Amino acid sequence: MRPATEALLDRPAFPAMKNGWRRCCPNCGSGPMLRGYLKVRDACPVCGETLSGHRADDGPAYLTILIVGHLMAPLILWAYVAYRPEPLALAAVFSVGCVGLSLYLLPRLKGVIVAIQWAKRMHGFGEAPEQTSQTRTGPWSKAPSVTQQR
């Protein structure tokens, strides 16, 4: 590996994930990452780090469902066995709990996923300036067309 390439791979993931959990820029940790509830800013207003290359997609929603489901299901079972509440009361209390926990976790998990992508230089985070679409290699680079192969 060239020394320039080794320097590009050196971003600590854990501090970036911690900053992402706090919904802050993964680079500086002080600028806000999110413009609204889930909209990621194009760039950090403090350090200028470009954040527009993220591809969080459905990852935060899947993780939120996974975490909320694994936390609330045992609690619902425990509450039903221990206290035998009315089914409507149980559903009302735990519905509010599930919605509240989901609303709390969703932006934080999005911040963590964007921070992981930033730390691992995925999806356009930290491309070398000399790299262009013609010089990219790998499975995601544009394959030559049929006319170029002949």
N, C-alpha and C. Protein backbone atom coordinates (compact mmCIF):
# COMPACT_ATOMS: atom_id res chain seq x y z
N MET A 1 0.82 -1.17 0.00
CA MET A 1 0.00 0.00 0.00
C MET A 1 0.87 1.24 0.00
N ARG A 2 0.44 2.25 -0.72
CA ARG A 2 1.19 3.50 -0.73
C ARG A 2 0.98 4.23 0.59
N PRO A 3 1.94 5.06 1.03
CA PRO A 3 1.77 5.80 2.28
C PRO A 3 0.56 6.72 2.26
N ALA A 4 0.23 7.30 1.10
CA ALA A 4 -0.94 8.18 1.01
C ALA A 4 -2.22 7.39 1.26
N THR A 5 -2.27 6.16 0.75
CA THR A 5 -3.45 5.33 0.95
C THR A 5 -3.57 4.91 2.41
N GLU A 6 -2.45 4.62 3.06
CA GLU A 6 -2.49 4.25 4.47
C GLU A 6 -2.99 5.41 5.33
N ALA A 7 -2.61 6.63 4.98
CA ALA A 7 -3.06 7.80 5.73
C ALA A 7 -4.55 8.01 5.55
N LEU A 8 -5.09 7.64 4.37
CA LEU A 8 -6.52 7.80 4.13
C LEU A 8 -7.36 6.85 4.97
N LEU A 9 -6.81 5.71 5.36
CA LEU A 9 -7.58 4.71 6.09
C LEU A 9 -7.58 4.94 7.60
N ASP A 10 -6.93 5.97 8.07
CA ASP A 10 -6.72 6.16 9.50
C ASP A 10 -7.74 7.12 10.10
N ARG A 11 -8.96 6.68 10.30
CA ARG A 11 -9.98 7.44 11.00
C ARG A 11 -10.51 6.57 12.13
N PRO A 12 -10.44 7.04 13.36
CA PRO A 12 -10.93 6.23 14.48
C PRO A 12 -12.45 6.11 14.46
N ALA A 13 -12.94 4.88 14.53
CA ALA A 13 -14.38 4.63 14.41
C ALA A 13 -15.13 4.91 15.71
N PHE A 14 -14.58 4.53 16.86
CA PHE A 14 -15.35 4.68 18.10
C PHE A 14 -15.65 6.14 18.46
N PRO A 15 -14.68 7.06 18.40
CA PRO A 15 -15.03 8.46 18.67
C PRO A 15 -16.03 9.02 17.67
N ALA A 16 -15.92 8.58 16.41
CA ALA A 16 -16.88 9.04 15.41
C ALA A 16 -18.28 8.52 15.73
N MET A 17 -18.38 7.27 16.17
CA MET A 17 -19.68 6.70 16.52
C MET A 17 -20.26 7.40 17.75
N LYS A 18 -19.40 7.74 18.70
CA LYS A 18 -19.87 8.47 19.88
C LYS A 18 -20.41 9.84 19.49
N ASN A 19 -19.70 10.52 18.59
CA ASN A 19 -20.19 11.81 18.09
C ASN A 19 -21.48 11.64 17.31
N GLY A 20 -21.59 10.57 16.53
CA GLY A 20 -22.81 10.30 15.80
C GLY A 20 -23.99 10.03 16.72
N TRP A 21 -23.76 9.33 17.83
CA TRP A 21 -24.83 9.08 18.80
C TRP A 21 -25.33 10.40 19.39
N ARG A 22 -24.41 11.34 19.56
CA ARG A 22 -24.79 12.66 20.08
C ARG A 22 -25.35 13.55 18.98
N ARG A 23 -25.46 13.03 17.75
CA ARG A 23 -25.95 13.74 16.57
C ARG A 23 -25.05 14.91 16.20
N CYS A 24 -23.74 14.74 16.42
CA CYS A 24 -22.75 15.76 16.10
C CYS A 24 -21.90 15.27 14.94
N CYS A 25 -21.15 16.19 14.36
CA CYS A 25 -20.26 15.88 13.24
C CYS A 25 -19.26 14.79 13.66
N PRO A 26 -19.07 13.75 12.84
CA PRO A 26 -18.12 12.71 13.22
C PRO A 26 -16.67 13.18 13.19
N ASN A 27 -16.39 14.27 12.50
CA ASN A 27 -15.03 14.77 12.39
C ASN A 27 -14.65 15.62 13.60
N CYS A 28 -15.41 16.69 13.86
CA CYS A 28 -15.03 17.62 14.93
C CYS A 28 -15.77 17.35 16.24
N GLY A 29 -16.96 16.78 16.17
CA GLY A 29 -17.72 16.48 17.38
C GLY A 29 -18.47 17.65 17.97
N SER A 30 -18.38 18.84 17.35
CA SER A 30 -19.08 19.99 17.92
C SER A 30 -20.17 20.53 17.02
N GLY A 31 -20.07 20.33 15.73
CA GLY A 31 -21.10 20.83 14.82
C GLY A 31 -22.27 19.87 14.74
N PRO A 32 -23.49 20.37 14.56
CA PRO A 32 -24.66 19.48 14.46
C PRO A 32 -24.66 18.73 13.12
N MET A 33 -24.92 17.43 13.18
CA MET A 33 -24.96 16.61 11.97
C MET A 33 -26.31 16.71 11.28
N LEU A 34 -27.37 16.81 12.06
CA LEU A 34 -28.71 16.78 11.51
C LEU A 34 -29.29 18.19 11.43
N ARG A 35 -29.97 18.46 10.31
CA ARG A 35 -30.61 19.75 10.12
C ARG A 35 -32.02 19.76 10.73
N GLY A 36 -32.69 18.65 10.68
CA GLY A 36 -34.01 18.51 11.27
C GLY A 36 -34.01 17.27 12.14
N TYR A 37 -35.10 16.52 12.08
CA TYR A 37 -35.18 15.31 12.88
C TYR A 37 -34.29 14.21 12.30
N LEU A 38 -34.31 14.02 10.97
CA LEU A 38 -33.50 12.99 10.33
C LEU A 38 -32.70 13.47 9.13
N LYS A 39 -32.83 14.71 8.74
CA LYS A 39 -32.14 15.23 7.55
C LYS A 39 -30.69 15.56 7.88
N VAL A 40 -29.75 14.89 7.19
CA VAL A 40 -28.33 15.12 7.42
C VAL A 40 -27.91 16.37 6.64
N ARG A 41 -27.13 17.22 7.28
CA ARG A 41 -26.62 18.42 6.62
C ARG A 41 -25.66 18.04 5.50
N ASP A 42 -25.53 18.94 4.53
CA ASP A 42 -24.58 18.71 3.43
C ASP A 42 -23.14 18.82 3.93
N ALA A 43 -22.90 19.73 4.88
CA ALA A 43 -21.56 19.92 5.43
C ALA A 43 -21.69 20.38 6.88
N CYS A 44 -20.67 20.12 7.66
CA CYS A 44 -20.65 20.55 9.05
C CYS A 44 -20.46 22.07 9.09
N PRO A 45 -21.29 22.80 9.85
CA PRO A 45 -21.14 24.25 9.91
C PRO A 45 -19.90 24.70 10.68
N VAL A 46 -19.28 23.82 11.47
CA VAL A 46 -18.12 24.20 12.27
C VAL A 46 -16.82 23.91 11.53
N CYS A 47 -16.63 22.64 11.10
CA CYS A 47 -15.35 22.27 10.48
C CYS A 47 -15.42 22.18 8.96
N GLY A 48 -16.60 22.20 8.39
CA GLY A 48 -16.74 22.16 6.94
C GLY A 48 -16.67 20.77 6.34
N GLU A 49 -16.63 19.72 7.15
CA GLU A 49 -16.57 18.35 6.64
C GLU A 49 -17.83 18.04 5.83
N THR A 50 -17.65 17.49 4.65
CA THR A 50 -18.77 17.15 3.79
C THR A 50 -19.46 15.90 4.31
N LEU A 51 -20.77 16.00 4.52
CA LEU A 51 -21.54 14.87 5.04
C LEU A 51 -22.56 14.38 4.02
N SER A 52 -22.54 14.94 2.82
CA SER A 52 -23.58 14.62 1.85
C SER A 52 -23.40 13.24 1.21
N GLY A 53 -22.29 12.56 1.44
CA GLY A 53 -22.07 11.26 0.82
C GLY A 53 -22.66 10.10 1.56
N HIS A 54 -23.42 10.35 2.61
CA HIS A 54 -23.94 9.24 3.42
C HIS A 54 -24.99 8.45 2.67
N ARG A 55 -25.14 7.18 3.05
CA ARG A 55 -26.17 6.31 2.51
C ARG A 55 -26.76 5.51 3.66
N ALA A 56 -27.43 6.18 4.57
CA ALA A 56 -28.00 5.49 5.73
C ALA A 56 -29.21 4.66 5.34
N ASP A 57 -30.01 5.13 4.40
CA ASP A 57 -31.18 4.43 3.89
C ASP A 57 -32.07 3.89 5.01
N ASP A 58 -32.33 2.59 5.02
CA ASP A 58 -33.24 1.99 6.00
C ASP A 58 -32.53 1.40 7.21
N GLY A 59 -31.22 1.51 7.27
CA GLY A 59 -30.45 0.94 8.37
C GLY A 59 -30.89 1.42 9.75
N PRO A 60 -31.04 2.73 9.97
CA PRO A 60 -31.48 3.19 11.29
C PRO A 60 -32.86 2.67 11.68
N ALA A 61 -33.77 2.59 10.72
CA ALA A 61 -35.11 2.09 11.03
C ALA A 61 -35.07 0.61 11.42
N TYR A 62 -34.28 -0.19 10.70
CA TYR A 62 -34.16 -1.61 11.04
C TYR A 62 -33.55 -1.79 12.43
N LEU A 63 -32.50 -1.04 12.71
CA LEU A 63 -31.87 -1.15 14.03
C LEU A 63 -32.81 -0.69 15.14
N THR A 64 -33.57 0.35 14.88
CA THR A 64 -34.54 0.84 15.88
C THR A 64 -35.58 -0.23 16.18
N ILE A 65 -36.12 -0.83 15.14
CA ILE A 65 -37.12 -1.89 15.33
C ILE A 65 -36.52 -3.07 16.10
N LEU A 66 -35.29 -3.43 15.74
CA LEU A 66 -34.62 -4.54 16.41
C LEU A 66 -34.42 -4.27 17.90
N ILE A 67 -33.93 -3.08 18.22
CA ILE A 67 -33.66 -2.74 19.62
C ILE A 67 -34.95 -2.60 20.42
N VAL A 68 -35.91 -1.86 19.88
CA VAL A 68 -37.17 -1.64 20.60
C VAL A 68 -37.90 -2.97 20.79
N GLY A 69 -37.91 -3.80 19.78
CA GLY A 69 -38.57 -5.10 19.90
C GLY A 69 -37.93 -5.98 20.95
N HIS A 70 -36.60 -5.99 20.99
CA HIS A 70 -35.91 -6.84 21.96
C HIS A 70 -35.97 -6.29 23.38
N LEU A 71 -36.19 -5.00 23.53
CA LEU A 71 -36.34 -4.44 24.88
C LEU A 71 -37.78 -4.55 25.38
N MET A 72 -38.73 -4.27 24.50
CA MET A 72 -40.12 -4.19 24.96
C MET A 72 -40.81 -5.55 25.07
N ALA A 73 -40.47 -6.50 24.24
CA ALA A 73 -41.15 -7.80 24.29
C ALA A 73 -40.98 -8.49 25.66
N PRO A 74 -39.76 -8.57 26.20
CA PRO A 74 -39.65 -9.17 27.53
C PRO A 74 -40.34 -8.34 28.62
N LEU A 75 -40.33 -7.01 28.47
CA LEU A 75 -41.01 -6.18 29.46
C LEU A 75 -42.52 -6.38 29.42
N ILE A 76 -43.07 -6.52 28.23
CA ILE A 76 -44.52 -6.78 28.12
C ILE A 76 -44.86 -8.11 28.76
N LEU A 77 -44.08 -9.14 28.48
CA LEU A 77 -44.33 -10.46 29.06
C LEU A 77 -44.21 -10.41 30.58
N TRP A 78 -43.17 -9.74 31.08
CA TRP A 78 -42.99 -9.64 32.52
C TRP A 78 -44.15 -8.88 33.16
N ALA A 79 -44.56 -7.76 32.57
CA ALA A 79 -45.67 -6.97 33.14
C ALA A 79 -46.97 -7.77 33.13
N TYR A 80 -47.20 -8.53 32.08
CA TYR A 80 -48.44 -9.31 32.01
C TYR A 80 -48.45 -10.43 33.04
N VAL A 81 -47.33 -11.12 33.20
CA VAL A 81 -47.27 -12.23 34.15
C VAL A 81 -47.29 -11.72 35.59
N ALA A 82 -46.55 -10.65 35.87
CA ALA A 82 -46.43 -10.17 37.25
C ALA A 82 -47.67 -9.43 37.73
N TYR A 83 -48.29 -8.62 36.89
CA TYR A 83 -49.37 -7.74 37.35
C TYR A 83 -50.74 -8.06 36.78
N ARG A 84 -50.84 -8.84 35.74
CA ARG A 84 -52.10 -9.18 35.09
C ARG A 84 -52.99 -7.95 34.85
N PRO A 85 -52.46 -6.93 34.13
CA PRO A 85 -53.28 -5.74 33.87
C PRO A 85 -54.32 -6.03 32.80
N GLU A 86 -55.26 -5.12 32.67
CA GLU A 86 -56.24 -5.21 31.59
C GLU A 86 -55.49 -5.13 30.26
N PRO A 87 -55.91 -5.90 29.27
CA PRO A 87 -55.20 -5.89 27.98
C PRO A 87 -55.14 -4.51 27.33
N LEU A 88 -56.21 -3.74 27.44
CA LEU A 88 -56.22 -2.41 26.84
C LEU A 88 -55.23 -1.48 27.55
N ALA A 89 -55.14 -1.57 28.85
CA ALA A 89 -54.17 -0.75 29.59
C ALA A 89 -52.74 -1.16 29.25
N LEU A 90 -52.50 -2.46 29.17
CA LEU A 90 -51.17 -2.94 28.79
C LEU A 90 -50.79 -2.46 27.39
N ALA A 91 -51.71 -2.55 26.46
CA ALA A 91 -51.44 -2.11 25.09
C ALA A 91 -51.20 -0.60 25.04
N ALA A 92 -51.97 0.17 25.79
CA ALA A 92 -51.81 1.62 25.77
C ALA A 92 -50.46 2.04 26.35
N VAL A 93 -50.09 1.47 27.48
CA VAL A 93 -48.83 1.85 28.13
C VAL A 93 -47.64 1.45 27.27
N PHE A 94 -47.65 0.25 26.77
CA PHE A 94 -46.49 -0.20 26.00
C PHE A 94 -46.46 0.39 24.59
N SER A 95 -47.59 0.77 24.04
CA SER A 95 -47.59 1.48 22.76
C SER A 95 -46.91 2.83 22.90
N VAL A 96 -47.23 3.54 23.97
CA VAL A 96 -46.58 4.83 24.22
C VAL A 96 -45.09 4.62 24.46
N GLY A 97 -44.73 3.58 25.19
CA GLY A 97 -43.31 3.29 25.43
C GLY A 97 -42.56 2.95 24.15
N CYS A 98 -43.17 2.15 23.29
CA CYS A 98 -42.53 1.78 22.03
C CYS A 98 -42.35 2.98 21.12
N VAL A 99 -43.37 3.81 21.02
CA VAL A 99 -43.26 5.01 20.17
C VAL A 99 -42.22 5.97 20.73
N GLY A 100 -42.24 6.18 22.03
CA GLY A 100 -41.27 7.09 22.64
C GLY A 100 -39.84 6.61 22.47
N LEU A 101 -39.60 5.34 22.70
CA LEU A 101 -38.25 4.79 22.55
C LEU A 101 -37.81 4.83 21.09
N SER A 102 -38.72 4.56 20.18
CA SER A 102 -38.39 4.63 18.75
C SER A 102 -38.03 6.04 18.33
N LEU A 103 -38.80 7.02 18.79
CA LEU A 103 -38.50 8.42 18.44
C LEU A 103 -37.18 8.88 19.05
N TYR A 104 -36.81 8.34 20.19
CA TYR A 104 -35.53 8.67 20.81
C TYR A 104 -34.36 8.04 20.05
N LEU A 105 -34.49 6.77 19.68
CA LEU A 105 -33.38 6.03 19.09
C LEU A 105 -33.13 6.35 17.62
N LEU A 106 -34.16 6.64 16.85
CA LEU A 106 -34.01 6.75 15.40
C LEU A 106 -32.97 7.78 14.96
N PRO A 107 -33.00 9.04 15.42
CA PRO A 107 -31.97 9.97 14.96
C PRO A 107 -30.58 9.64 15.48
N ARG A 108 -30.49 9.05 16.65
CA ARG A 108 -29.19 8.69 17.20
C ARG A 108 -28.56 7.54 16.42
N LEU A 109 -29.36 6.56 16.04
CA LEU A 109 -28.83 5.46 15.25
C LEU A 109 -28.48 5.91 13.84
N LYS A 110 -29.22 6.88 13.30
CA LYS A 110 -28.83 7.43 12.01
C LYS A 110 -27.48 8.12 12.11
N GLY A 111 -27.26 8.86 13.19
CA GLY A 111 -25.97 9.51 13.40
C GLY A 111 -24.84 8.49 13.51
N VAL A 112 -25.09 7.38 14.18
CA VAL A 112 -24.07 6.34 14.33
C VAL A 112 -23.75 5.72 12.97
N ILE A 113 -24.76 5.44 12.16
CA ILE A 113 -24.52 4.82 10.86
C ILE A 113 -23.77 5.77 9.94
N VAL A 114 -24.13 7.05 9.93
CA VAL A 114 -23.41 8.02 9.11
C VAL A 114 -21.96 8.14 9.61
N ALA A 115 -21.75 8.10 10.92
CA ALA A 115 -20.40 8.19 11.47
C ALA A 115 -19.56 6.96 11.11
N ILE A 116 -20.17 5.78 11.10
CA ILE A 116 -19.43 4.58 10.69
C ILE A 116 -19.03 4.70 9.22
N GLN A 117 -19.94 5.17 8.39
CA GLN A 117 -19.61 5.35 6.98
C GLN A 117 -18.50 6.38 6.81
N TRP A 118 -18.52 7.44 7.60
CA TRP A 118 -17.47 8.46 7.54
C TRP A 118 -16.13 7.86 7.97
N ALA A 119 -16.13 7.11 9.08
CA ALA A 119 -14.88 6.54 9.59
C ALA A 119 -14.29 5.50 8.65
N LYS A 120 -15.12 4.74 7.99
CA LYS A 120 -14.64 3.70 7.07
C LYS A 120 -14.48 4.21 5.64
N ARG A 121 -14.74 5.51 5.43
CA ARG A 121 -14.61 6.16 4.11
C ARG A 121 -15.49 5.49 3.07
N MET A 122 -16.71 5.19 3.46
CA MET A 122 -17.66 4.55 2.56
C MET A 122 -18.48 5.61 1.84
N HIS A 123 -18.96 5.29 0.64
CA HIS A 123 -19.91 6.10 -0.12
C HIS A 123 -19.46 7.53 -0.34
N GLY A 124 -18.23 7.75 -0.73
CA GLY A 124 -17.78 9.09 -1.08
C GLY A 124 -17.17 9.88 0.06
N PHE A 125 -17.15 9.35 1.28
CA PHE A 125 -16.48 10.04 2.37
C PHE A 125 -14.98 9.85 2.23
N GLY A 126 -14.26 10.91 2.00
CA GLY A 126 -12.81 10.86 2.01
C GLY A 126 -12.16 10.26 0.79
N GLU A 127 -12.76 10.42 -0.39
CA GLU A 127 -12.07 9.98 -1.59
C GLU A 127 -10.83 10.82 -1.80
N ALA A 128 -9.83 10.22 -2.34
CA ALA A 128 -8.60 10.96 -2.64
C ALA A 128 -8.91 12.00 -3.73
N PRO A 129 -8.35 13.21 -3.65
CA PRO A 129 -8.68 14.23 -4.62
C PRO A 129 -8.30 13.87 -6.05
N GLU A 130 -7.26 13.03 -6.23
CA GLU A 130 -6.87 12.69 -7.59
C GLU A 130 -7.74 11.60 -8.19
N GLN A 131 -8.61 10.96 -7.37
CA GLN A 131 -9.49 9.93 -7.89
C GLN A 131 -10.67 10.56 -8.60
N THR A 132 -10.93 10.12 -9.80
CA THR A 132 -12.10 10.55 -10.54
C THR A 132 -12.89 9.32 -10.93
N SER A 133 -13.98 9.51 -11.63
CA SER A 133 -14.80 8.36 -12.01
C SER A 133 -14.07 7.47 -13.01
N GLN A 134 -13.08 8.01 -13.75
CA GLN A 134 -12.35 7.19 -14.70
C GLN A 134 -11.27 6.34 -14.01
N THR A 135 -10.78 6.76 -12.84
CA THR A 135 -9.69 6.02 -12.21
C THR A 135 -10.14 5.11 -11.09
N ARG A 136 -11.41 5.03 -10.79
CA ARG A 136 -11.89 4.16 -9.73
C ARG A 136 -11.78 2.71 -10.15
N THR A 137 -11.47 1.87 -9.18
CA THR A 137 -11.43 0.43 -9.43
C THR A 137 -12.22 -0.25 -8.34
N GLY A 138 -12.64 -1.44 -8.62
CA GLY A 138 -13.38 -2.20 -7.63
C GLY A 138 -14.73 -2.62 -8.17
N PRO A 139 -15.48 -3.35 -7.37
CA PRO A 139 -16.76 -3.88 -7.85
C PRO A 139 -17.81 -2.81 -8.12
N TRP A 140 -17.68 -1.61 -7.56
CA TRP A 140 -18.68 -0.58 -7.76
C TRP A 140 -18.28 0.44 -8.82
N SER A 141 -17.13 0.28 -9.40
CA SER A 141 -16.72 1.21 -10.44
C SER A 141 -17.53 0.93 -11.70
N LYS A 142 -17.61 1.92 -12.54
CA LYS A 142 -18.40 1.78 -13.75
C LYS A 142 -17.70 0.81 -14.69
N ALA A 143 -18.41 -0.21 -15.09
CA ALA A 143 -17.85 -1.20 -15.99
C ALA A 143 -17.79 -0.65 -17.41
N PRO A 144 -16.77 -1.04 -18.18
CA PRO A 144 -16.70 -0.55 -19.56
C PRO A 144 -17.87 -1.07 -20.37
N SER A 145 -18.33 -0.26 -21.28
CA SER A 145 -19.46 -0.66 -22.11
C SER A 145 -19.01 -1.70 -23.13
N VAL A 146 -19.97 -2.29 -23.82
CA VAL A 146 -19.68 -3.33 -24.80
C VAL A 146 -18.84 -2.76 -25.93
N THR A 147 -19.10 -1.53 -26.34
CA THR A 147 -18.35 -0.96 -27.45
C THR A 147 -16.91 -0.67 -27.05
N GLN A 148 -16.64 -0.40 -25.76
CA GLN A 148 -15.28 -0.14 -25.32
C GLN A 148 -14.49 -1.43 -25.20
N GLN A 149 -15.14 -2.56 -25.02
CA GLN A 149 -14.43 -3.82 -24.85
C GLN A 149 -13.95 -4.38 -26.18
N ARG A 150 -14.55 -4.03 -27.28
CA ARG A 150 -14.17 -4.59 -28.59
C ARG A 150 -13.00 -3.92 -29.18
